């Protein structure tokens, strides 16, 4: 028999009254974009420069091309200037690094983003570490941002956008994280590790589970909050979680579906269809964390412009 933690029970009863169990990333991302758009307008009206981000896209991978286009459109929507540098697959690592160094020195560019993954022959670590920490709005370039996130008394300039989006969703939904047991499924630098650190900052008790974790199910069954980010479709099952659990599903996986024109559909790392009935709150896939990742990128780009070229309001 499952027993719901008193803390989470009060959170769920407070936050699910007369509303859907689904946590809509689309809804909150729209609200955040409107907030950023107004901030950009205010900045420019006081003589500030337009926030500008440079995106580097290598090759023509369909998924990467779509992601960059979505980011470009989102920037235009809120008044951020997006410059996309599309490079051929034949580009060398040195050429990419030289381009980034050029952007680092350009005061009109406030943010730099390299779309991943890069071709196998390119060392992602070497390329990302070239990005100035002041312009590294996805916080993947150096240990500086994550190190600041991990150490008490330090505040990072930027946090990886997907991790930041996960926590922002919980906060926007009014979910009190403090005191809850949180399990992060996955330990990547992009999502798992920074999300765990952010949850610790919110005073959750955090467990990170991964491919070598023993008794994974028992960890998941103790969780009040689950952040799933491992890239395995429908991995987390209904009997692995307790009633009332709050789930943030970061996974975006393609599975075959002959009923769709595309021949596939997108699912998360959690068996949404079966778990939705017993959970307290859950993000859908798509429409959950994905829109928030872009919203956080916009937020970080505006923040970078404010830090590098602050506006003096008289």
C-alpha atoms as a PDB file:
ATOM      1  CA  UNK A   1       0.000   0.000   0.000  1.00  0.00           C
ATOM      2  CA  UNK A   2       1.329   3.430  -0.975  1.00  0.00           C
ATOM      3  CA  UNK A   3       1.315   6.197   1.619  1.00  0.00           C
ATOM      4  CA  UNK A   4       1.434   9.761   0.350  1.00  0.00           C
ATOM      5  CA  UNK A   5       3.947  12.013   2.111  1.00  0.00           C
ATOM      6  CA  UNK A   6       2.119  14.686   4.149  1.00  0.00           C
ATOM      7  CA  UNK A   7       4.120  17.481   2.553  1.00  0.00           C
ATOM      8  CA  UNK A   8       3.357  16.403  -0.987  1.00  0.00           C
ATOM      9  CA  UNK A   9      -0.278  15.682  -0.113  1.00  0.00           C
ATOM     10  CA  UNK A  10      -0.775  19.285   0.959  1.00  0.00           C
ATOM     11  CA  UNK A  11       1.028  20.504  -2.160  1.00  0.00           C
ATOM     12  CA  UNK A  12      -1.151  18.389  -4.431  1.00  0.00           C
ATOM     13  CA  UNK A  13      -4.431  19.276  -2.735  1.00  0.00           C
ATOM     14  CA  UNK A  14      -3.540  22.941  -2.956  1.00  0.00           C
ATOM     15  CA  UNK A  15      -2.334  22.919  -6.542  1.00  0.00           C
ATOM     16  CA  UNK A  16      -4.633  20.465  -8.347  1.00  0.00           C
ATOM     17  CA  UNK A  17      -8.003  21.773  -7.246  1.00  0.00           C
ATOM     18  CA  UNK A  18     -10.110  22.330 -10.362  1.00  0.00           C
ATOM     19  CA  UNK A  19      -7.105  22.269 -12.695  1.00  0.00           C
ATOM     20  CA  UNK A  20      -5.579  19.684 -15.003  1.00  0.00           C
ATOM     21  CA  UNK A  21      -2.847  17.388 -13.780  1.00  0.00           C
ATOM     22  CA  UNK A  22      -0.768  18.422 -16.775  1.00  0.00           C
ATOM     23  CA  UNK A  23       1.871  21.086 -16.208  1.00  0.00           C
ATOM     24  CA  UNK A  24       1.765  23.070 -19.428  1.00  0.00           C
ATOM     25  CA  UNK A  25       5.162  24.253 -20.551  1.00  0.00           C
ATOM     26  CA  UNK A  26       3.477  25.955 -23.487  1.00  0.00           C
ATOM     27  CA  UNK A  27       1.393  28.113 -21.166  1.00  0.00           C
ATOM     28  CA  UNK A  28       4.218  29.198 -18.893  1.00  0.00           C
ATOM     29  CA  UNK A  29       6.670  29.703 -21.771  1.00  0.00           C
ATOM     30  CA  UNK A  30       4.172  32.070 -23.408  1.00  0.00           C
ATOM     31  CA  UNK A  31       3.881  34.071 -20.198  1.00  0.00           C
ATOM     32  CA  UNK A  32       7.660  34.222 -19.750  1.00  0.00           C
ATOM     33  CA  UNK A  33       8.159  35.319 -23.351  1.00  0.00           C
ATOM     34  CA  UNK A  34       5.682  38.148 -22.819  1.00  0.00           C
ATOM     35  CA  UNK A  35       7.649  39.199 -19.726  1.00  0.00           C
ATOM     36  CA  UNK A  36      10.930  39.166 -21.668  1.00  0.00           C
ATOM     37  CA  UNK A  37       9.403  41.086 -24.573  1.00  0.00           C
ATOM     38  CA  UNK A  38       8.337  43.848 -22.197  1.00  0.00           C
ATOM     39  CA  UNK A  39      11.787  43.878 -20.583  1.00  0.00           C
ATOM     40  CA  UNK A  40      13.436  44.255 -24.008  1.00  0.00           C
ATOM     41  CA  UNK A  41      11.078  47.113 -24.876  1.00  0.00           C
ATOM     42  CA  UNK A  42      11.903  48.840 -21.591  1.00  0.00           C
ATOM     43  CA  UNK A  43      15.634  48.344 -22.122  1.00  0.00           C
ATOM     44  CA  UNK A  44      15.613  49.834 -25.607  1.00  0.00           C
ATOM     45  CA  UNK A  45      13.310  52.691 -24.580  1.00  0.00           C
ATOM     46  CA  UNK A  46      15.939  53.722 -22.020  1.00  0.00           C
ATOM     47  CA  UNK A  47      18.712  53.765 -24.621  1.00  0.00           C
ATOM     48  CA  UNK A  48      19.949  50.229 -24.180  1.00  0.00           C
ATOM     49  CA  UNK A  49      21.231  48.082 -27.034  1.00  0.00           C
ATOM     50  CA  UNK A  50      19.135  45.273 -28.445  1.00  0.00           C
ATOM     51  CA  UNK A  51      20.060  41.934 -26.837  1.00  0.00           C
ATOM     52  CA  UNK A  52      21.840  39.842 -29.463  1.00  0.00           C
ATOM     53  CA  UNK A  53      22.626  36.138 -29.625  1.00  0.00           C
ATOM     54  CA  UNK A  54      24.802  34.300 -32.156  1.00  0.00           C
ATOM     55  CA  UNK A  55      23.866  30.690 -32.895  1.00  0.00           C
ATOM     56  CA  UNK A  56      26.354  28.375 -34.600  1.00  0.00           C
ATOM     57  CA  UNK A  57      24.876  25.493 -36.590  1.00  0.00           C
ATOM     58  CA  UNK A  58      27.183  22.926 -38.186  1.00  0.00           C
ATOM     59  CA  UNK A  59      25.756  20.787 -40.964  1.00  0.00           C
ATOM     60  CA  UNK A  60      22.132  20.199 -41.850  1.00  0.00           C
ATOM     61  CA  UNK A  61      20.811  17.698 -39.317  1.00  0.00           C
ATOM     62  CA  UNK A  62      17.007  17.987 -39.568  1.00  0.00           C
ATOM     63  CA  UNK A  63      16.446  18.070 -35.811  1.00  0.00           C
ATOM     64  CA  UNK A  64      19.195  20.635 -35.179  1.00  0.00           C
ATOM     65  CA  UNK A  65      17.949  22.786 -38.044  1.00  0.00           C
ATOM     66  CA  UNK A  66      14.431  22.774 -36.554  1.00  0.00           C
ATOM     67  CA  UNK A  67      15.728  23.583 -33.059  1.00  0.00           C
ATOM     68  CA  UNK A  68      17.744  26.548 -34.315  1.00  0.00           C
ATOM     69  CA  UNK A  69      14.837  27.821 -36.391  1.00  0.00           C
ATOM     70  CA  UNK A  70      12.556  27.628 -33.355  1.00  0.00           C
ATOM     71  CA  UNK A  71      15.067  29.574 -31.279  1.00  0.00           C
ATOM     72  CA  UNK A  72      15.470  32.148 -34.034  1.00  0.00           C
ATOM     73  CA  UNK A  73      11.701  32.648 -34.271  1.00  0.00           C
ATOM     74  CA  UNK A  74      11.355  32.879 -30.494  1.00  0.00           C
ATOM     75  CA  UNK A  75      14.047  35.571 -30.380  1.00  0.00           C
ATOM     76  CA  UNK A  76      12.292  37.629 -33.041  1.00  0.00           C
ATOM     77  CA  UNK A  77       9.025  37.316 -31.141  1.00  0.00           C
ATOM     78  CA  UNK A  78      10.461  38.971 -28.014  1.00  0.00           C
ATOM     79  CA  UNK A  79      12.684  41.525 -29.763  1.00  0.00           C
ATOM     80  CA  UNK A  80      16.022  39.755 -29.375  1.00  0.00           C
ATOM     81  CA  UNK A  81      18.360  39.892 -32.363  1.00  0.00           C
ATOM     82  CA  UNK A  82      19.331  36.370 -33.448  1.00  0.00           C
ATOM     83  CA  UNK A  83      22.248  35.850 -35.835  1.00  0.00           C
ATOM     84  CA  UNK A  84      22.581  32.290 -37.147  1.00  0.00           C
ATOM     85  CA  UNK A  85      25.903  31.163 -38.607  1.00  0.00           C
ATOM     86  CA  UNK A  86      25.341  28.036 -40.682  1.00  0.00           C
ATOM     87  CA  UNK A  87      28.573  26.159 -41.295  1.00  0.00           C
ATOM     88  CA  UNK A  88      29.169  23.199 -43.637  1.00  0.00           C
ATOM     89  CA  UNK A  89      30.047  19.735 -42.362  1.00  0.00           C
ATOM     90  CA  UNK A  90      33.490  20.270 -43.862  1.00  0.00           C
ATOM     91  CA  UNK A  91      34.259  23.008 -41.341  1.00  0.00           C
ATOM     92  CA  UNK A  92      37.229  22.294 -39.084  1.00  0.00           C
ATOM     93  CA  UNK A  93      37.314  22.519 -35.330  1.00  0.00           C
ATOM     94  CA  UNK A  94      39.871  25.318 -35.534  1.00  0.00           C
ATOM     95  CA  UNK A  95      37.582  27.324 -37.822  1.00  0.00           C
ATOM     96  CA  UNK A  96      34.698  26.987 -35.355  1.00  0.00           C
ATOM     97  CA  UNK A  97      36.915  28.048 -32.466  1.00  0.00           C
ATOM     98  CA  UNK A  98      38.221  31.052 -34.433  1.00  0.00           C
ATOM     99  CA  UNK A  99      34.631  32.109 -35.139  1.00  0.00           C
ATOM    100  CA  UNK A 100      33.662  31.850 -31.461  1.00  0.00           C
ATOM    101  CA  UNK A 101      36.708  33.867 -30.427  1.00  0.00           C
ATOM    102  CA  UNK A 102      35.617  36.544 -32.875  1.00  0.00           C
ATOM    103  CA  UNK A 103      32.168  36.603 -31.230  1.00  0.00           C
ATOM    104  CA  UNK A 104      33.772  36.787 -27.772  1.00  0.00           C
ATOM    105  CA  UNK A 105      35.503  40.046 -28.742  1.00  0.00           C
ATOM    106  CA  UNK A 106      32.439  41.601 -30.392  1.00  0.00           C
ATOM    107  CA  UNK A 107      30.678  43.871 -27.867  1.00  0.00           C
ATOM    108  CA  UNK A 108      27.521  43.913 -29.977  1.00  0.00           C
ATOM    109  CA  UNK A 109      27.067  40.182 -29.321  1.00  0.00           C
ATOM    110  CA  UNK A 110      25.851  39.360 -25.826  1.00  0.00           C
ATOM    111  CA  UNK A 111      25.250  35.605 -26.085  1.00  0.00           C
ATOM    112  CA  UNK A 112      26.754  32.656 -27.963  1.00  0.00           C
ATOM    113  CA  UNK A 113      25.126  29.272 -28.521  1.00  0.00           C
ATOM    114  CA  UNK A 114      26.603  26.282 -30.348  1.00  0.00           C
ATOM    115  CA  UNK A 115      23.892  23.865 -31.432  1.00  0.00           C
ATOM    116  CA  UNK A 116      24.643  20.310 -30.338  1.00  0.00           C
ATOM    117  CA  UNK A 117      25.489  17.663 -31.306  1.00  0.00           C
ATOM    118  CA  UNK A 118      28.521  18.549 -33.339  1.00  0.00           C
ATOM    119  CA  UNK A 119      30.002  16.110 -35.897  1.00  0.00           C
ATOM    120  CA  UNK A 120      31.935  13.220 -34.336  1.00  0.00           C
ATOM    121  CA  UNK A 121      35.308  14.553 -35.459  1.00  0.00           C
ATOM    122  CA  UNK A 122      34.731  17.819 -33.567  1.00  0.00           C
ATOM    123  CA  UNK A 123      35.544  17.863 -29.852  1.00  0.00           C
ATOM    124  CA  UNK A 124      32.487  19.457 -28.227  1.00  0.00           C
ATOM    125  CA  UNK A 125      34.312  20.173 -24.981  1.00  0.00           C
ATOM    126  CA  UNK A 126      37.067  22.107 -26.743  1.00  0.00           C
ATOM    127  CA  UNK A 127      34.577  24.114 -28.781  1.00  0.00           C
ATOM    128  CA  UNK A 128      32.213  24.932 -25.913  1.00  0.00           C
ATOM    129  CA  UNK A 129      35.049  25.873 -23.563  1.00  0.00           C
ATOM    130  CA  UNK A 130      36.042  28.595 -26.029  1.00  0.00           C
ATOM    131  CA  UNK A 131      32.838  30.525 -25.333  1.00  0.00           C
ATOM    132  CA  UNK A 132      33.345  33.437 -22.947  1.00  0.00           C
ATOM    133  CA  UNK A 133      31.700  32.713 -19.583  1.00  0.00           C
ATOM    134  CA  UNK A 134      29.991  36.098 -19.852  1.00  0.00           C
ATOM    135  CA  UNK A 135      28.284  35.008 -23.090  1.00  0.00           C
ATOM    136  CA  UNK A 136      27.779  31.305 -22.307  1.00  0.00           C
ATOM    137  CA  UNK A 137      23.984  31.513 -21.931  1.00  0.00           C
ATOM    138  CA  UNK A 138      23.516  27.731 -22.007  1.00  0.00           C
ATOM    139  CA  UNK A 139      26.160  27.359 -19.265  1.00  0.00           C
ATOM    140  CA  UNK A 140      27.867  24.428 -20.990  1.00  0.00           C
ATOM    141  CA  UNK A 141      31.204  25.984 -21.856  1.00  0.00           C
ATOM    142  CA  UNK A 142      33.164  25.695 -18.628  1.00  0.00           C
ATOM    143  CA  UNK A 143      32.843  24.390 -15.063  1.00  0.00           C
ATOM    144  CA  UNK A 144      32.540  27.994 -13.824  1.00  0.00           C
ATOM    145  CA  UNK A 145      28.749  28.190 -13.883  1.00  0.00           C
ATOM    146  CA  UNK A 146      28.097  24.703 -12.500  1.00  0.00           C
ATOM    147  CA  UNK A 147      30.820  25.186  -9.898  1.00  0.00           C
ATOM    148  CA  UNK A 148      29.157  28.396  -8.733  1.00  0.00           C
ATOM    149  CA  UNK A 149      25.834  26.565  -8.617  1.00  0.00           C
ATOM    150  CA  UNK A 150      27.337  23.811  -6.454  1.00  0.00           C
ATOM    151  CA  UNK A 151      29.125  26.016  -3.901  1.00  0.00           C
ATOM    152  CA  UNK A 152      27.304  27.758  -1.098  1.00  0.00           C
ATOM    153  CA  UNK A 153      27.589  31.527  -1.209  1.00  0.00           C
ATOM    154  CA  UNK A 154      28.086  31.660  -4.973  1.00  0.00           C
ATOM    155  CA  UNK A 155      25.523  32.553  -7.639  1.00  0.00           C
ATOM    156  CA  UNK A 156      26.154  31.458 -11.245  1.00  0.00           C
ATOM    157  CA  UNK A 157      25.672  33.972 -14.028  1.00  0.00           C
ATOM    158  CA  UNK A 158      23.800  31.329 -16.019  1.00  0.00           C
ATOM    159  CA  UNK A 159      22.267  27.891 -15.484  1.00  0.00           C
ATOM    160  CA  UNK A 160      21.776  25.287 -18.249  1.00  0.00           C
ATOM    161  CA  UNK A 161      18.478  26.186 -19.863  1.00  0.00           C
ATOM    162  CA  UNK A 162      16.673  22.842 -19.625  1.00  0.00           C
ATOM    163  CA  UNK A 163      17.535  22.395 -15.950  1.00  0.00           C
ATOM    164  CA  UNK A 164      16.474  25.957 -15.243  1.00  0.00           C
ATOM    165  CA  UNK A 165      13.227  25.317 -17.117  1.00  0.00           C
ATOM    166  CA  UNK A 166      12.411  22.276 -14.960  1.00  0.00           C
ATOM    167  CA  UNK A 167      12.683  24.254 -11.726  1.00  0.00           C
ATOM    168  CA  UNK A 168      10.888  27.250 -13.208  1.00  0.00           C
ATOM    169  CA  UNK A 169       7.922  25.022 -14.072  1.00  0.00           C
ATOM    170  CA  UNK A 170       7.670  23.802 -10.485  1.00  0.00           C
ATOM    171  CA  UNK A 171       7.881  27.344  -9.132  1.00  0.00           C
ATOM    172  CA  UNK A 172       5.393  28.791 -11.595  1.00  0.00           C
ATOM    173  CA  UNK A 173       2.942  26.059 -10.631  1.00  0.00           C
ATOM    174  CA  UNK A 174       3.267  27.122  -7.000  1.00  0.00           C
ATOM    175  CA  UNK A 175       4.738  23.790  -5.931  1.00  0.00           C
ATOM    176  CA  UNK A 176       6.709  24.073  -2.692  1.00  0.00           C
ATOM    177  CA  UNK A 177       9.891  22.085  -3.246  1.00  0.00           C
ATOM    178  CA  UNK A 178      11.433  22.504   0.198  1.00  0.00           C
ATOM    179  CA  UNK A 179      11.356  19.335   2.299  1.00  0.00           C
ATOM    180  CA  UNK A 180      10.304  17.008  -0.533  1.00  0.00           C
ATOM    181  CA  UNK A 181      12.220  13.947  -1.708  1.00  0.00           C
ATOM    182  CA  UNK A 182      13.387  14.523  -5.280  1.00  0.00           C
ATOM    183  CA  UNK A 183      14.830  11.856  -7.575  1.00  0.00           C
ATOM    184  CA  UNK A 184      16.702  12.946 -10.686  1.00  0.00           C
ATOM    185  CA  UNK A 185      16.904  10.186 -13.267  1.00  0.00           C
ATOM    186  CA  UNK A 186      20.044  10.941 -15.286  1.00  0.00           C
ATOM    187  CA  UNK A 187      23.318  12.713 -14.489  1.00  0.00           C
ATOM    188  CA  UNK A 188      24.233  14.645 -17.646  1.00  0.00           C
ATOM    189  CA  UNK A 189      25.909  18.046 -17.509  1.00  0.00           C
ATOM    190  CA  UNK A 190      23.011  19.479 -19.503  1.00  0.00           C
ATOM    191  CA  UNK A 191      20.094  18.324 -17.333  1.00  0.00           C
ATOM    192  CA  UNK A 192      20.660  15.819 -14.540  1.00  0.00           C
ATOM    193  CA  UNK A 193      23.536  17.361 -12.595  1.00  0.00           C
ATOM    194  CA  UNK A 194      22.427  21.038 -12.719  1.00  0.00           C
ATOM    195  CA  UNK A 195      18.808  20.092 -11.971  1.00  0.00           C
ATOM    196  CA  UNK A 196      19.915  18.172  -8.879  1.00  0.00           C
ATOM    197  CA  UNK A 197      21.948  21.166  -7.706  1.00  0.00           C
ATOM    198  CA  UNK A 198      19.008  23.532  -8.287  1.00  0.00           C
ATOM    199  CA  UNK A 199      16.707  21.230  -6.305  1.00  0.00           C
ATOM    200  CA  UNK A 200      19.227  21.237  -3.451  1.00  0.00           C
ATOM    201  CA  UNK A 201      19.174  25.038  -3.509  1.00  0.00           C
ATOM    202  CA  UNK A 202      15.408  24.793  -3.034  1.00  0.00           C
ATOM    203  CA  UNK A 203      15.999  22.574   0.032  1.00  0.00           C
ATOM    204  CA  UNK A 204      14.793  19.312  -1.464  1.00  0.00           C
ATOM    205  CA  UNK A 205      16.400  16.040  -0.421  1.00  0.00           C
ATOM    206  CA  UNK A 206      17.954  14.881  -3.686  1.00  0.00           C
ATOM    207  CA  UNK A 207      18.907  11.472  -5.065  1.00  0.00           C
ATOM    208  CA  UNK A 208      20.561  11.116  -8.476  1.00  0.00           C
ATOM    209  CA  UNK A 209      19.901   7.793 -10.202  1.00  0.00           C
ATOM    210  CA  UNK A 210      21.719   6.511 -13.293  1.00  0.00           C
ATOM    211  CA  UNK A 211      22.664   3.385 -15.227  1.00  0.00           C
ATOM    212  CA  UNK A 212      24.668   1.956 -12.311  1.00  0.00           C
ATOM    213  CA  UNK A 213      22.078   2.623  -9.608  1.00  0.00           C
ATOM    214  CA  UNK A 214      21.089  -0.438  -7.576  1.00  0.00           C
ATOM    215  CA  UNK A 215      17.393  -0.859  -6.696  1.00  0.00           C
ATOM    216  CA  UNK A 216      16.295   1.962  -8.975  1.00  0.00           C
ATOM    217  CA  UNK A 217      12.593   1.288  -8.465  1.00  0.00           C
ATOM    218  CA  UNK A 218      12.845   1.621  -4.691  1.00  0.00           C
ATOM    219  CA  UNK A 219      14.387   5.078  -5.124  1.00  0.00           C
ATOM    220  CA  UNK A 220      11.646   6.147  -7.510  1.00  0.00           C
ATOM    221  CA  UNK A 221       8.918   4.841  -5.204  1.00  0.00           C
ATOM    222  CA  UNK A 222      10.186   7.113  -2.425  1.00  0.00           C
ATOM    223  CA  UNK A 223      10.129  10.227  -4.594  1.00  0.00           C
ATOM    224  CA  UNK A 224       7.770  13.163  -4.153  1.00  0.00           C
ATOM    225  CA  UNK A 225       9.286  14.743  -7.284  1.00  0.00           C
ATOM    226  CA  UNK A 226      10.810  12.882 -10.238  1.00  0.00           C
ATOM    227  CA  UNK A 227      12.872  14.596 -12.935  1.00  0.00           C
ATOM    228  CA  UNK A 228      13.303  12.068 -15.769  1.00  0.00           C
ATOM    229  CA  UNK A 229      16.105  12.803 -18.243  1.00  0.00           C
ATOM    230  CA  UNK A 230      17.625   9.613 -19.652  1.00  0.00           C
ATOM    231  CA  UNK A 231      16.317   9.398 -23.227  1.00  0.00           C
ATOM    232  CA  UNK A 232      14.508   6.050 -22.884  1.00  0.00           C
ATOM    233  CA  UNK A 233      10.915   6.047 -24.175  1.00  0.00           C
ATOM    234  CA  UNK A 234       8.218   5.243 -21.595  1.00  0.00           C
ATOM    235  CA  UNK A 235      10.881   3.923 -19.217  1.00  0.00           C
ATOM    236  CA  UNK A 236       9.311   4.865 -15.870  1.00  0.00           C
ATOM    237  CA  UNK A 237       6.327   2.602 -15.155  1.00  0.00           C
ATOM    238  CA  UNK A 238       3.162   3.133 -13.128  1.00  0.00           C
ATOM    239  CA  UNK A 239       4.083   0.701 -10.343  1.00  0.00           C
ATOM    240  CA  UNK A 240       7.473   2.402  -9.928  1.00  0.00           C
ATOM    241  CA  UNK A 241       5.994   5.585  -8.475  1.00  0.00           C
ATOM    242  CA  UNK A 242       3.740   6.449  -5.574  1.00  0.00           C
ATOM    243  CA  UNK A 243       0.370   8.185  -5.857  1.00  0.00           C
ATOM    244  CA  UNK A 244       0.597  11.966  -5.866  1.00  0.00           C
ATOM    245  CA  UNK A 245       4.131  12.140  -7.274  1.00  0.00           C
ATOM    246  CA  UNK A 246       5.072  15.242  -9.290  1.00  0.00           C
ATOM    247  CA  UNK A 247       6.841  14.359 -12.535  1.00  0.00           C
ATOM    248  CA  UNK A 248       8.889  16.583 -14.827  1.00  0.00           C
ATOM    249  CA  UNK A 249       9.569  14.535 -17.962  1.00  0.00           C
ATOM    250  CA  UNK A 250      12.532  15.897 -19.918  1.00  0.00           C
ATOM    251  CA  UNK A 251      12.727  13.023 -22.400  1.00  0.00           C
ATOM    252  CA  UNK A 252      11.886  13.547 -26.068  1.00  0.00           C
ATOM    253  CA  UNK A 253      11.900  10.192 -27.857  1.00  0.00           C
ATOM    254  CA  UNK A 254      10.591   9.089 -31.235  1.00  0.00           C
ATOM    255  CA  UNK A 255       8.666   5.822 -31.411  1.00  0.00           C
ATOM    256  CA  UNK A 256       7.034   4.218 -34.446  1.00  0.00           C
ATOM    257  CA  UNK A 257       3.353   5.024 -34.956  1.00  0.00           C
ATOM    258  CA  UNK A 258       1.772   3.920 -38.225  1.00  0.00           C
ATOM    259  CA  UNK A 259      -1.372   5.940 -37.442  1.00  0.00           C
ATOM    260  CA  UNK A 260       0.593   9.176 -37.859  1.00  0.00           C
ATOM    261  CA  UNK A 261       1.417  10.703 -41.208  1.00  0.00           C
ATOM    262  CA  UNK A 262       5.017  11.115 -40.066  1.00  0.00           C
ATOM    263  CA  UNK A 263       5.196   7.443 -39.093  1.00  0.00           C
ATOM    264  CA  UNK A 264       6.246   8.287 -35.537  1.00  0.00           C
ATOM    265  CA  UNK A 265       5.190  10.156 -32.413  1.00  0.00           C
ATOM    266  CA  UNK A 266       7.047  11.782 -29.555  1.00  0.00           C
ATOM    267  CA  UNK A 267       6.972  10.360 -26.043  1.00  0.00           C
ATOM    268  CA  UNK A 268       8.847  11.088 -22.857  1.00  0.00           C
ATOM    269  CA  UNK A 269      10.882   8.938 -20.492  1.00  0.00           C
ATOM    270  CA  UNK A 270       7.758   8.294 -18.426  1.00  0.00           C
ATOM    271  CA  UNK A 271       4.798   6.070 -19.348  1.00  0.00           C
ATOM    272  CA  UNK A 272       2.480   9.073 -19.357  1.00  0.00           C
ATOM    273  CA  UNK A 273      -0.724   7.274 -20.412  1.00  0.00           C
ATOM    274  CA  UNK A 274      -0.645   4.904 -17.438  1.00  0.00           C
ATOM    275  CA  UNK A 275       0.926   7.164 -14.810  1.00  0.00           C
ATOM    276  CA  UNK A 276      -1.227  10.258 -15.350  1.00  0.00           C
ATOM    277  CA  UNK A 277      -4.113   8.728 -13.395  1.00  0.00           C
ATOM    278  CA  UNK A 278      -2.145   8.312 -10.170  1.00  0.00           C
ATOM    279  CA  UNK A 279       0.349  11.179 -10.238  1.00  0.00           C
ATOM    280  CA  UNK A 280      -0.234  14.575  -8.693  1.00  0.00           C
ATOM    281  CA  UNK A 281       1.171  16.642 -11.558  1.00  0.00           C
ATOM    282  CA  UNK A 282       3.038  15.743 -14.738  1.00  0.00           C
ATOM    283  CA  UNK A 283       4.490  17.454 -17.801  1.00  0.00           C
ATOM    284  CA  UNK A 284       3.327  16.198 -21.202  1.00  0.00           C
ATOM    285  CA  UNK A 285       5.640  15.396 -24.112  1.00  0.00           C
ATOM    286  CA  UNK A 286       5.631  17.409 -26.263  1.00  0.00           C
ATOM    287  CA  UNK A 287       4.506  20.700 -24.729  1.00  0.00           C
ATOM    288  CA  UNK A 288       6.171  20.361 -21.344  1.00  0.00           C
ATOM    289  CA  UNK A 289       9.854  21.090 -20.736  1.00  0.00           C
ATOM    290  CA  UNK A 290      10.731  21.802 -24.383  1.00  0.00           C
ATOM    291  CA  UNK A 291       9.093  25.253 -24.639  1.00  0.00           C
ATOM    292  CA  UNK A 292      10.604  26.198 -21.283  1.00  0.00           C
ATOM    293  CA  UNK A 293      14.130  25.460 -22.498  1.00  0.00           C
ATOM    294  CA  UNK A 294      13.784  28.083 -25.215  1.00  0.00           C
ATOM    295  CA  UNK A 295      12.131  30.522 -22.797  1.00  0.00           C
ATOM    296  CA  UNK A 296      15.096  30.185 -20.430  1.00  0.00           C
ATOM    297  CA  UNK A 297      17.513  30.771 -23.310  1.00  0.00           C
ATOM    298  CA  UNK A 298      15.716  34.039 -24.071  1.00  0.00           C
ATOM    299  CA  UNK A 299      15.807  34.971 -20.398  1.00  0.00           C
ATOM    300  CA  UNK A 300      19.539  34.273 -20.161  1.00  0.00           C
ATOM    301  CA  UNK A 301      20.247  36.239 -23.336  1.00  0.00           C
ATOM    302  CA  UNK A 302      18.462  39.283 -21.943  1.00  0.00           C
ATOM    303  CA  UNK A 303      20.314  38.810 -18.658  1.00  0.00           C
ATOM    304  CA  UNK A 304      23.643  38.681 -20.530  1.00  0.00           C
ATOM    305  CA  UNK A 305      22.896  41.982 -22.261  1.00  0.00           C
ATOM    306  CA  UNK A 306      21.967  43.586 -18.945  1.00  0.00           C
ATOM    307  CA  UNK A 307      25.187  42.401 -17.333  1.00  0.00           C
ATOM    308  CA  UNK A 308      27.501  43.398 -20.194  1.00  0.00           C
ATOM    309  CA  UNK A 309      25.855  46.690 -21.101  1.00  0.00           C
ATOM    310  CA  UNK A 310      23.685  47.840 -18.189  1.00  0.00           C
ATOM    311  CA  UNK A 311      21.208  50.622 -18.850  1.00  0.00           C
ATOM    312  CA  UNK A 312      21.438  53.663 -16.583  1.00  0.00           C
ATOM    313  CA  UNK A 313      17.877  54.823 -15.979  1.00  0.00           C
ATOM    314  CA  UNK A 314      17.533  58.474 -15.059  1.00  0.00           C
END
